[in-house]
Protein backbone atom coordinates (compact mmCIF):
# COMPACT_ATOMS: atom_id res chain seq x y z
CA MET A 1 0.00 0.00 0.00
CA ASN A 2 1.18 3.52 -0.77
CA ALA A 3 1.69 6.15 1.93
CA PRO A 4 -1.61 7.81 2.97
CA LEU A 5 -2.44 11.10 1.28
CA ILE A 6 -3.63 14.33 2.90
CA CYS A 7 -6.90 15.62 1.51
CA MET A 8 -8.07 19.11 2.50
CA THR A 9 -11.84 19.59 2.60
CA LEU A 10 -12.98 22.93 1.15
CA THR A 11 -16.18 24.34 2.62
CA GLY A 12 -16.04 27.93 1.40
CA LYS A 13 -19.13 29.59 -0.05
CA THR A 14 -17.38 30.66 -3.25
CA LEU A 15 -14.88 29.08 -5.63
CA GLU A 16 -12.53 32.05 -5.23
CA GLU A 17 -12.48 31.61 -1.46
CA ASN A 18 -11.61 27.95 -1.90
CA ILE A 19 -8.92 28.69 -4.49
CA LYS A 20 -7.18 31.07 -2.09
CA LEU A 21 -7.15 28.36 0.58
CA VAL A 22 -5.68 25.81 -1.84
CA ARG A 23 -2.87 28.22 -2.73
CA LYS A 24 -2.15 28.87 0.94
CA TYR A 25 -1.93 25.20 1.94
CA GLU A 26 -0.91 23.45 -1.30
CA LYS A 27 2.57 22.55 0.01
CA GLN A 28 0.99 20.80 3.01
CA ILE A 29 -1.53 18.64 1.16
CA ASP A 30 -1.79 16.12 -1.70
CA LEU A 31 -5.32 16.72 -2.94
CA VAL A 32 -8.51 18.62 -2.08
CA GLU A 33 -12.19 17.82 -1.73
CA LEU A 34 -14.55 20.47 -3.08
CA ARG A 35 -17.73 20.37 -1.00
CA VAL A 36 -20.23 21.69 -3.52
CA ASP A 37 -23.00 21.50 -0.91
CA HIS A 38 -21.30 24.42 0.91
CA LEU A 39 -21.23 26.68 -2.17
CA THR A 40 -23.91 29.27 -2.88
CA GLU A 41 -26.44 28.30 -5.55
CA GLU A 42 -24.88 30.73 -8.01
CA GLU A 43 -21.36 29.35 -7.43
CA GLN A 44 -22.58 25.79 -7.94
CA LEU A 45 -23.21 26.64 -11.60
CA TYR A 46 -19.47 27.06 -12.24
CA VAL A 47 -18.07 24.06 -10.35
CA LYS A 48 -16.77 22.48 -13.58
CA ARG A 49 -14.11 25.21 -13.82
CA PHE A 50 -12.58 24.55 -10.42
CA PRO A 51 -10.04 21.75 -11.14
CA ALA A 52 -8.36 23.79 -13.88
CA LEU A 53 -7.85 26.69 -11.48
CA ILE A 54 -5.73 24.76 -8.96
CA ASN A 55 -2.60 22.62 -9.15
CA LEU A 56 -3.82 19.62 -7.16
CA PRO A 57 -6.10 16.64 -7.82
CA CYS A 58 -9.63 17.31 -6.66
CA ILE A 59 -12.52 15.22 -5.30
CA LEU A 60 -16.02 16.32 -6.30
CA THR A 61 -18.42 15.90 -3.37
CA ILE A 62 -22.05 16.95 -2.95
CA ARG A 63 -22.84 15.69 0.53
CA ARG A 64 -26.45 15.20 1.60
CA ASP A 65 -27.65 16.46 4.98
CA VAL A 66 -28.32 12.90 6.17
CA ASP A 67 -24.61 12.17 5.60
CA GLY A 68 -23.39 15.25 7.46
CA GLY A 69 -23.55 17.68 4.52
CA LEU A 70 -25.68 20.68 3.60
CA PHE A 71 -27.43 19.47 0.45
CA THR A 72 -31.16 19.17 1.08
CA GLY A 73 -32.47 18.71 -2.47
CA GLY A 74 -33.52 15.46 -4.10
CA ASP A 75 -31.51 13.00 -6.16
CA PHE A 76 -32.66 14.57 -9.43
CA SER A 77 -31.25 18.02 -8.64
CA ARG A 78 -28.08 16.52 -7.19
CA THR A 79 -27.58 14.39 -10.30
CA ASN A 80 -27.86 17.53 -12.41
CA LEU A 81 -25.16 19.15 -10.30
CA PHE A 82 -22.91 16.11 -10.71
CA ALA A 83 -23.54 16.03 -14.47
CA ARG A 84 -22.75 19.74 -14.88
CA ALA A 85 -19.51 19.40 -12.90
CA LEU A 86 -18.44 16.24 -14.74
CA ALA A 87 -19.10 17.57 -18.26
CA PHE A 88 -15.67 16.67 -19.61
CA ALA A 89 -14.95 19.24 -22.29
CA ASN A 90 -11.28 19.61 -21.36
CA PRO A 91 -9.09 17.05 -23.19
CA ASP A 92 -6.42 17.49 -20.49
CA LYS A 93 -7.62 15.09 -17.81
CA SER A 94 -5.55 16.90 -15.16
CA LYS A 95 -7.93 19.86 -15.58
CA ASN A 96 -10.94 17.71 -14.67
CA PHE A 97 -11.98 16.28 -11.31
CA ALA A 98 -9.73 13.35 -10.39
CA TYR A 99 -12.30 11.73 -8.05
CA VAL A 100 -16.02 11.88 -7.43
CA ASP A 101 -17.67 10.83 -4.17
CA PHE A 102 -20.92 8.87 -4.58
CA GLU A 103 -22.70 7.46 -1.51
CA GLU A 104 -23.21 3.72 -1.43
CA ASP A 105 -26.95 4.11 -2.17
CA TYR A 106 -26.42 6.53 -5.08
CA HIS A 107 -26.38 4.45 -8.26
CA ILE A 108 -26.91 6.32 -11.52
CA PRO A 109 -25.38 4.12 -14.25
CA SER A 110 -24.86 7.01 -16.68
CA MET A 111 -22.92 8.99 -14.06
CA GLN A 112 -20.78 6.02 -13.12
CA ASP A 113 -20.07 5.15 -16.75
CA ALA A 114 -19.10 8.74 -17.56
CA ALA A 115 -16.73 8.93 -14.61
CA MET A 116 -15.04 5.67 -15.52
CA ALA A 117 -14.80 6.60 -19.21
CA PHE A 118 -12.94 9.81 -18.43
CA GLY A 119 -10.63 8.31 -15.81
CA VAL A 120 -12.36 9.79 -12.76
CA ARG A 121 -11.98 7.48 -9.75
CA ILE A 122 -15.19 6.82 -7.82
CA ILE A 123 -15.12 6.99 -4.04
CA ARG A 124 -18.09 4.96 -2.83
CA SER A 125 -18.88 6.28 0.63
CA TYR A 126 -20.97 5.49 3.67
CA HIS A 127 -21.36 7.89 6.59
CA ASN A 128 -22.96 7.23 9.95
CA MET A 129 -22.99 10.47 11.92
CA THR A 130 -24.38 8.94 15.14
CA ASP A 131 -23.22 5.33 15.48
CA PRO A 132 -20.22 3.07 14.90
CA VAL A 133 -19.91 0.70 11.95
CA THR A 134 -18.69 -2.88 12.27
CA ASN A 135 -17.80 -5.55 9.70
CA LEU A 136 -15.92 -2.94 7.69
CA LYS A 137 -14.28 -5.41 5.30
CA GLU A 138 -17.58 -7.07 4.46
CA ARG A 139 -19.21 -3.70 3.90
CA CYS A 140 -16.36 -2.50 1.69
CA ASP A 141 -16.54 -5.65 -0.42
CA THR A 142 -20.24 -4.99 -1.00
CA MET A 143 -19.71 -1.28 -1.77
CA ARG A 144 -16.91 -1.98 -4.23
CA LYS A 145 -18.87 -2.97 -7.31
CA THR A 146 -15.84 -2.83 -9.59
CA GLY A 147 -12.10 -2.74 -9.10
CA TYR A 148 -12.30 0.91 -10.02
CA GLU A 149 -14.00 2.16 -6.85
CA ILE A 150 -12.49 3.19 -3.51
CA PRO A 151 -14.85 2.35 -0.62
CA LYS A 152 -15.00 4.92 2.18
CA ILE A 153 -16.52 4.41 5.64
CA ALA A 154 -16.75 7.21 8.19
CA PHE A 155 -18.61 6.79 11.47
CA MET A 156 -19.13 8.28 14.90
CA PRO A 157 -17.72 5.92 17.55
CA HIS A 158 -19.42 5.49 20.90
CA SER A 159 -16.16 4.51 22.52
CA LEU A 160 -12.48 3.93 21.84
CA THR A 161 -13.29 0.23 21.44
CA ASP A 162 -15.14 1.11 18.22
CA VAL A 163 -12.00 2.87 16.97
CA LEU A 164 -9.91 -0.17 17.90
CA ASN A 165 -12.13 -2.32 15.70
CA LEU A 166 -11.41 0.07 12.80
CA PHE A 167 -7.67 -0.34 13.38
CA LYS A 168 -7.91 -4.12 13.54
CA GLU A 169 -9.96 -4.45 10.37
CA GLY A 170 -7.93 -1.83 8.51
CA GLU A 171 -4.65 -3.50 9.38
CA ALA A 172 -5.83 -6.69 7.66
CA MET A 173 -7.11 -4.93 4.54
CA THR A 174 -4.30 -4.77 1.99
CA GLN A 175 -6.14 -6.07 -1.08
CA TYR A 176 -7.43 -2.72 -2.35
CA GLU A 177 -7.53 0.98 -1.57
CA HIS A 178 -10.04 2.11 1.02
CA ILE A 179 -10.72 5.09 3.29
CA PHE A 180 -11.52 4.60 6.97
CA CYS A 181 -12.27 7.39 9.41
CA ALA A 182 -13.63 7.49 12.95
CA MET A 183 -15.06 10.88 13.82
CA GLY A 184 -15.25 12.85 17.08
CA PRO A 185 -12.66 13.07 19.87
CA GLU A 186 -12.22 9.31 20.26
CA GLY A 187 -11.60 8.96 16.54
CA PHE A 188 -8.55 11.23 16.48
CA PRO A 189 -5.98 8.38 16.18
CA SER A 190 -7.60 7.24 12.92
CA ARG A 191 -6.87 10.66 11.41
CA VAL A 192 -3.19 10.76 12.36
CA LEU A 193 -2.39 7.06 11.92
CA PRO A 194 -3.96 5.97 8.60
CA ALA A 195 -0.68 4.18 7.90
CA PHE A 196 -1.77 1.68 10.55
CA THR A 197 -5.23 1.17 8.97
CA ASN A 198 -4.00 1.13 5.35
CA SER A 199 -6.33 4.05 4.63
CA PHE A 200 -5.86 5.71 1.24
CA LEU A 201 -6.08 9.20 2.71
CA THR A 202 -6.92 11.32 5.72
CA TYR A 203 -9.08 14.44 5.71
CA VAL A 204 -8.08 17.83 7.10
CA SER A 205 -9.61 21.31 7.02
CA PRO A 206 -7.95 24.71 6.60
CA GLU A 207 -7.55 26.47 9.93
CA GLU A 208 -9.89 29.22 8.71
CA MET A 209 -12.73 26.71 8.32
CA ILE A 210 -12.01 24.27 11.13
CA SER A 211 -15.23 25.33 12.85
CA ASN A 212 -17.21 23.89 9.91
CA THR A 213 -15.83 20.42 10.67
CA ALA A 214 -15.04 20.66 14.39
CA GLY A 215 -17.85 18.29 15.34
CA ILE A 216 -16.40 15.46 13.28
CA GLY A 217 -12.83 16.02 14.44
CA HIS A 218 -10.89 17.52 11.53
CA ILE A 219 -7.52 19.12 12.23
CA ASP A 220 -5.64 21.55 10.02
CA PRO A 221 -2.86 20.42 7.62
CA ILE A 222 -0.09 22.44 9.29
CA THR A 223 -0.80 20.81 12.66
CA LEU A 224 -0.90 17.38 11.03
CA ASN A 225 2.44 17.88 9.29
CA GLU A 226 4.44 20.04 11.66
CA LEU A 227 3.18 18.78 15.04
CA TYR A 228 2.61 15.12 14.20
CA ASN A 229 5.15 14.80 11.36
CA PHE A 230 2.50 12.93 9.37
CA LYS A 231 4.54 12.24 6.24
CA SER A 232 7.14 10.35 8.26
CA ILE A 233 4.67 8.01 9.98
CA THR A 234 4.91 4.42 8.79
CA LYS A 235 4.00 1.07 10.27
CA ASP A 236 7.49 1.04 11.79
CA THR A 237 6.92 4.29 13.70
CA GLU A 238 6.96 3.86 17.48
CA LEU A 239 3.76 5.10 19.07
CA PHE A 240 3.34 7.08 22.28
CA GLY A 241 0.36 9.01 23.55
CA ILE A 242 -1.56 10.80 26.27
CA THR A 243 -4.96 9.73 27.55
CA GLY A 244 -7.61 11.47 29.61
CA TRP A 245 -11.10 12.94 29.29
CA PRO A 246 -12.25 15.31 27.95
CA MET A 247 -8.66 16.50 27.38
CA GLN A 248 -9.73 19.28 25.04
CA LYS A 249 -6.29 20.89 25.18
CA THR A 250 -2.86 19.40 25.73
CA SER A 251 0.60 20.77 24.94
CA SER A 252 2.42 17.49 25.60
CA PRO A 253 2.45 16.48 21.89
CA THR A 254 4.26 19.72 21.04
CA ILE A 255 7.03 19.02 23.54
CA LEU A 256 7.49 15.30 22.93
CA ASN A 257 7.21 15.31 19.13
CA HIS A 258 9.80 18.11 19.06
CA GLY A 259 12.05 15.90 21.16
CA PHE A 260 11.66 12.98 18.75
CA LYS A 261 12.57 15.23 15.81
CA GLN A 262 15.61 16.64 17.57
CA LEU A 263 17.05 13.16 18.04
CA GLY A 264 15.89 11.84 14.67
CA LEU A 265 13.68 9.18 16.25
CA ASN A 266 10.97 7.46 14.21
CA ALA A 267 8.26 8.07 16.80
CA VAL A 268 5.06 10.04 17.26
CA TYR A 269 3.04 11.09 20.31
CA ILE A 270 -0.73 11.65 19.96
CA PRO A 271 -3.84 12.17 22.11
CA VAL A 272 -5.87 9.02 22.82
CA ARG A 273 -9.13 10.25 24.35
CA SER A 274 -11.47 7.95 26.22
CA THR A 275 -14.02 8.08 29.01
CA LEU A 276 -12.54 4.88 30.47
CA VAL A 277 -8.87 4.35 31.24
CA SER A 278 -9.33 0.60 30.74
CA GLU A 279 -10.40 1.20 27.13
CA ALA A 280 -7.47 3.54 26.53
CA LEU A 281 -5.02 0.93 27.82
CA ASN A 282 -6.59 -1.83 25.76
CA PHE A 283 -6.49 0.33 22.63
CA CYS A 284 -2.82 1.18 23.17
CA GLU A 285 -1.91 -2.44 23.90
CA GLN A 286 -3.62 -3.71 20.75
CA VAL A 287 -2.29 -0.98 18.44
CA GLY A 288 1.23 -1.26 19.85
CA PHE A 289 1.92 1.90 21.86
CA LYS A 290 5.23 1.91 23.75
CA GLY A 291 4.34 4.53 26.33
CA LEU A 292 1.48 6.62 27.60
CA SER A 293 1.02 9.82 29.60
CA ILE A 294 -1.91 9.79 32.01
CA SER A 295 -3.98 12.93 32.41
CA SER A 296 -7.06 13.81 34.46
CA PRO A 297 -9.13 12.02 35.67
CA PHE A 298 -7.17 8.74 35.39
CA LYS A 299 -4.03 9.31 37.50
CA GLU A 300 -5.37 7.27 40.39
CA SER A 301 -7.67 4.75 38.71
CA VAL A 302 -4.94 3.68 36.27
CA MET A 303 -3.00 2.13 39.14
CA TYR A 304 -5.42 -0.81 39.21
CA TYR A 305 -4.21 -1.85 35.75
CA LEU A 306 -0.45 -1.68 36.30
CA ASN A 307 1.78 -4.73 36.33
CA GLU A 308 4.54 -2.84 38.13
CA GLN A 309 4.73 0.46 40.00
CA SER A 310 7.72 2.69 40.72
CA PRO A 311 8.41 3.60 44.38
CA GLU A 312 7.13 7.15 43.69
CA VAL A 313 3.82 5.84 42.38
CA ILE A 314 3.39 3.65 45.45
CA GLN A 315 4.21 6.50 47.83
CA ILE A 316 2.22 9.20 46.02
CA GLY A 317 -0.78 7.04 45.18
CA ALA A 318 -1.01 8.41 41.63
CA CYS A 319 0.58 7.69 38.26
CA ASN A 320 1.07 9.93 35.23
CA THR A 321 3.42 7.86 33.02
CA LEU A 322 3.24 4.32 31.66
CA VAL A 323 5.93 2.41 29.81
CA ARG A 324 5.11 -0.89 28.08
CA ARG A 325 7.84 -3.51 28.07
CA ASN A 326 7.50 -7.26 27.65
CA ASN A 327 3.73 -6.84 27.24
CA LYS A 328 3.45 -5.26 30.69
CA TRP A 329 2.61 -1.75 31.88
CA THR A 330 4.98 -0.16 34.40
CA GLY A 331 3.80 3.02 36.08
CA PHE A 332 5.88 6.06 37.03
CA ASN A 333 5.17 9.51 38.41
CA THR A 334 6.99 12.51 36.95
CA ASP A 335 4.47 15.08 38.24
CA ALA A 336 6.31 15.39 41.55
CA ILE A 337 9.74 16.12 40.09
CA GLY A 338 8.20 18.39 37.46
CA PHE A 339 6.39 20.39 40.13
CA LYS A 340 9.46 20.56 42.38
CA LYS A 341 11.65 21.98 39.60
CA ALA A 342 8.98 24.45 38.51
CA ILE A 343 8.20 25.71 42.01
CA GLU A 344 11.89 26.12 42.84
CA GLU A 345 12.26 28.22 39.70
CA PHE A 346 9.19 30.29 40.68
CA ILE A 347 10.19 31.06 44.27
CA GLY A 348 13.89 31.59 43.51
CA ASN A 349 16.13 31.66 46.58
CA MET A 350 13.21 31.32 48.98
CA SER A 351 13.09 28.09 51.00
CA LEU A 352 9.78 26.37 51.73
CA LYS A 353 11.14 24.71 54.82
CA ARG A 354 8.58 25.26 57.62
CA LYS A 355 6.62 27.63 55.37
CA LYS A 356 2.84 27.22 55.40
CA VAL A 357 1.45 26.19 52.02
CA ALA A 358 -2.16 25.65 50.91
CA VAL A 359 -2.94 23.03 48.30
CA ILE A 360 -6.33 23.38 46.62
CA GLY A 361 -7.67 20.02 45.44
CA ALA A 362 -7.02 16.40 46.37
CA GLY A 363 -6.76 14.56 43.05
CA GLY A 364 -3.83 12.75 41.47
CA ALA A 365 -1.93 15.95 40.70
CA ALA A 366 -2.42 17.23 44.26
CA LYS A 367 -0.99 13.99 45.63
CA ALA A 368 2.20 14.50 43.64
CA VAL A 369 2.40 18.15 44.74
CA VAL A 370 2.04 17.25 48.42
CA TYR A 371 4.67 14.52 48.05
CA ALA A 372 7.12 17.10 46.64
CA LEU A 373 6.25 19.68 49.32
CA LYS A 374 6.99 17.10 52.02
CA GLN A 375 10.45 16.62 50.51
CA MET A 376 10.92 20.38 50.57
CA GLY A 377 10.03 20.60 54.28
CA ALA A 378 6.87 22.69 53.92
CA LYS A 379 3.89 22.68 56.27
CA VAL A 380 0.77 21.97 54.26
CA CYS A 381 -2.99 22.23 54.48
CA ILE A 382 -4.95 20.34 51.82
CA ILE A 383 -8.23 22.07 51.02
CA ASN A 384 -10.81 20.17 49.00
CA ARG A 385 -14.56 20.10 48.44
CA THR A 386 -14.75 16.49 49.62
CA LEU A 387 -13.11 16.67 53.03
CA GLU A 388 -12.48 12.91 53.25
CA HIS A 389 -10.19 13.03 50.21
CA ALA A 390 -8.19 15.89 51.70
CA GLN A 391 -7.95 14.10 55.06
CA PHE A 392 -6.67 10.95 53.38
CA ILE A 393 -3.68 12.80 51.91
CA ALA A 394 -3.12 14.94 55.00
CA ASP A 395 -3.06 11.98 57.39
CA LYS A 396 -0.47 10.27 55.23
CA TYR A 397 2.04 13.09 55.79
CA GLY A 398 0.91 14.49 59.12
CA TYR A 399 -0.56 17.59 57.49
CA GLU A 400 -3.78 19.52 58.06
CA SER A 401 -6.92 19.45 55.93
CA CYS A 402 -9.97 21.60 55.46
CA GLN A 403 -13.16 21.57 53.42
CA LEU A 404 -13.18 23.91 50.45
CA ASP A 405 -15.96 26.39 51.25
CA PRO A 406 -16.15 29.94 52.66
CA HIS A 407 -15.67 28.58 56.19
CA CYS A 408 -12.05 27.69 55.37
CA VAL A 409 -11.00 31.32 54.92
CA GLU A 410 -9.14 31.46 58.23
CA LYS A 411 -7.23 28.27 57.52
CA LEU A 412 -6.46 29.44 53.98
CA ASP A 413 -5.23 32.76 55.34
CA GLU A 414 -2.96 30.92 57.77
CA TYR A 415 -1.47 28.76 54.98
CA SER A 416 -1.14 31.53 52.42
CA THR A 417 2.61 31.91 51.94
CA LEU A 418 2.14 29.83 48.81
CA ILE A 419 -1.25 28.82 47.38
CA ILE A 420 -1.17 25.97 44.88
CA GLN A 421 -4.25 25.41 42.73
CA THR A 422 -4.39 21.82 41.41
CA THR A 423 -7.99 21.38 40.27
CA SER A 424 -9.12 21.39 36.63
CA ILE A 425 -11.42 24.33 37.40
CA GLY A 426 -8.53 26.66 36.71
CA ASN A 427 -8.29 25.81 33.03
CA ARG A 428 -11.40 27.78 32.17
CA SER A 429 -11.15 31.06 30.33
CA ILE A 430 -10.58 34.27 32.27
CA ASP A 431 -13.34 35.74 30.10
CA ASN A 432 -15.68 33.66 32.23
CA ALA A 433 -14.05 34.41 35.56
CA SER A 434 -17.10 33.71 37.71
CA SER A 435 -16.93 32.07 41.12
CA GLU A 436 -17.45 28.72 39.39
CA ASN A 437 -14.09 29.17 37.64
CA ASP A 438 -12.21 30.30 40.75
CA PRO A 439 -12.13 27.63 43.49
CA ILE A 440 -11.28 30.17 46.22
CA SER A 441 -13.40 33.09 45.00
CA PHE A 442 -14.39 33.77 48.62
CA TYR A 443 -10.77 34.48 49.59
CA SER A 444 -9.49 38.07 49.45
CA PHE A 445 -5.83 38.24 48.44
CA ARG A 446 -3.69 40.58 50.51
CA GLY A 447 -1.07 40.91 47.79
CA ASN A 448 1.86 39.13 49.43
CA GLU A 449 0.79 35.58 48.57
CA LEU A 450 2.55 33.48 45.95
CA VAL A 451 0.04 31.74 43.69
CA PHE A 452 0.89 28.73 41.51
CA ASP A 453 -1.80 27.23 39.26
CA LEU A 454 -1.02 23.84 37.75
CA ASN A 455 -3.20 24.74 34.74
CA TYR A 456 -1.49 26.47 31.83
CA SER A 457 -4.28 27.10 29.33
CA PRO A 458 -5.26 29.88 29.40
CA ALA A 459 -1.84 31.22 30.39
CA ILE A 460 -3.52 33.49 32.94
CA THR A 461 -6.22 31.53 34.76
CA PRO A 462 -9.10 33.19 36.67
CA ILE A 463 -7.44 32.73 40.05
CA MET A 464 -4.14 34.07 38.69
CA LYS A 465 -5.83 37.14 37.25
CA ARG A 466 -7.55 37.98 40.53
CA ALA A 467 -4.37 37.38 42.54
CA SER A 468 -2.29 39.52 40.16
CA LEU A 469 -4.73 42.41 40.45
CA ALA A 470 -4.22 42.26 44.22
CA GLY A 471 -0.44 42.47 43.76
CA CYS A 472 0.48 38.80 44.15
CA ARG A 473 3.20 37.03 42.17
CA THR A 474 1.65 34.25 40.11
CA CYS A 475 2.77 31.39 37.89
CA ASN A 476 0.94 28.88 35.72
CA GLY A 477 1.84 25.22 35.30
CA TYR A 478 3.55 25.28 31.92
CA LYS A 479 7.05 24.95 33.37
CA MET A 480 5.84 22.01 35.43
CA LEU A 481 4.47 20.49 32.22
CA GLU A 482 7.83 20.94 30.52
CA TYR A 483 9.88 19.43 33.34
CA LYS A 484 7.61 16.45 33.91
CA THR A 485 7.45 15.82 30.15
CA TYR A 486 11.25 15.86 29.85
CA GLU A 487 11.29 13.10 32.47
CA GLN A 488 8.64 11.19 30.52
CA PHE A 489 10.73 11.50 27.36
CA LYS A 490 13.65 9.87 29.16
CA LEU A 491 11.42 7.04 30.39
CA PHE A 492 9.99 6.52 26.89
CA THR A 493 13.25 6.66 24.94
CA GLY A 494 16.09 6.16 27.41
CA LYS A 495 17.57 9.44 26.13
CA GLU A 496 17.86 12.96 27.52
CA TYR A 497 15.54 15.56 26.03
CA ILE A 498 17.20 18.13 23.77
CA ARG A 499 15.36 21.46 23.54
């Protein structure tokens, strides 16, 4: 099978708008798909001209609303559109559409015969916008009426297990060209790793139009190429990833994929989103991932699935890094060392020995933070909405605990030399800086507190903004992310990270 191609979907309202996008991204892509259903009615009259105006092969697509498109007319009007676009007056075949996308239930013999006669490949597609599709090979065999057609199946998975089935079936399909795509957040691996499913191509959208395809999970071609190094991914590429939910934003791929490039390693690191850590682990085991970063909310629950645990994981009670060797998962924790290096950089020459520090939250990240603070000799109060969780950590180290509500103001004021925010609440936009986005909104900063928020997106979180306005020094968690990720890189590769 040939290397997968990158196809950019064009959803502009005019041909000129789409042409400008092709010219901007043409070095990043191999072909384009013109979505005629997104064009204005007037522009649809001139679709035939489009292929001659660009320098890339083009797929002609008129997607019905039931298949996720915008076309709401009947088959007769759609057939007229197809016929007008495929009126092959140009003897130079490179100036005509190279492909046409017909759904599996669209069978107009004259259209099919015309396409085949003029060398236009037919993509025979099936889309399920709400449910997964199984028995992909059997379905493709049925869709592929002749050896001339490329069957395409795109579906919305209900879980990562549905995506795993796509990978398994795609891996075994080497007899003919096909296109497989799982949509939505769980389907992301199918878009970056078509080399592992033998898919003919993967679809992307220009950054300017990503909102038109955000629901199905498109990414832009620059991200695909520059962040994930798509053109270098083969079946021999070593796979690493990060799992969590919903994990809408993560900067770990930027750091780790840069590290792989710096050392010339044939490896890629991608998000693997799932609502269940057990499904994420099973997916990574079956597909062949060598290592995995663990994000919220799985840092504690993942421990039940580990074959071995490092001393730090056992002591902290949370894990953020997995390495797979000899078909076994070994768990590590690099959050603690990442936090320690970042906080030392933030406070400078100041020592935390016997200083009173408040930790907001009691999840997996908080456990690593408290572990590091114990090593640094600090006195700590863990403040959390569920008091029992805070008490569990506090009792382990002989620290204090308090319930996170307005009644803890006095205790928070006492432990305010350094306030460390570890909950995911802090990653919400400062444009929505309500009390729901600030876990200690009831606390009035004096201006001499140090505030460290483990969140880093947005760069200034709601609590940081409020603290800064009061005169406090603040810091987000990006440096912690960097330091803990450098440690993960070493665990994954056995090599030091080169910036």
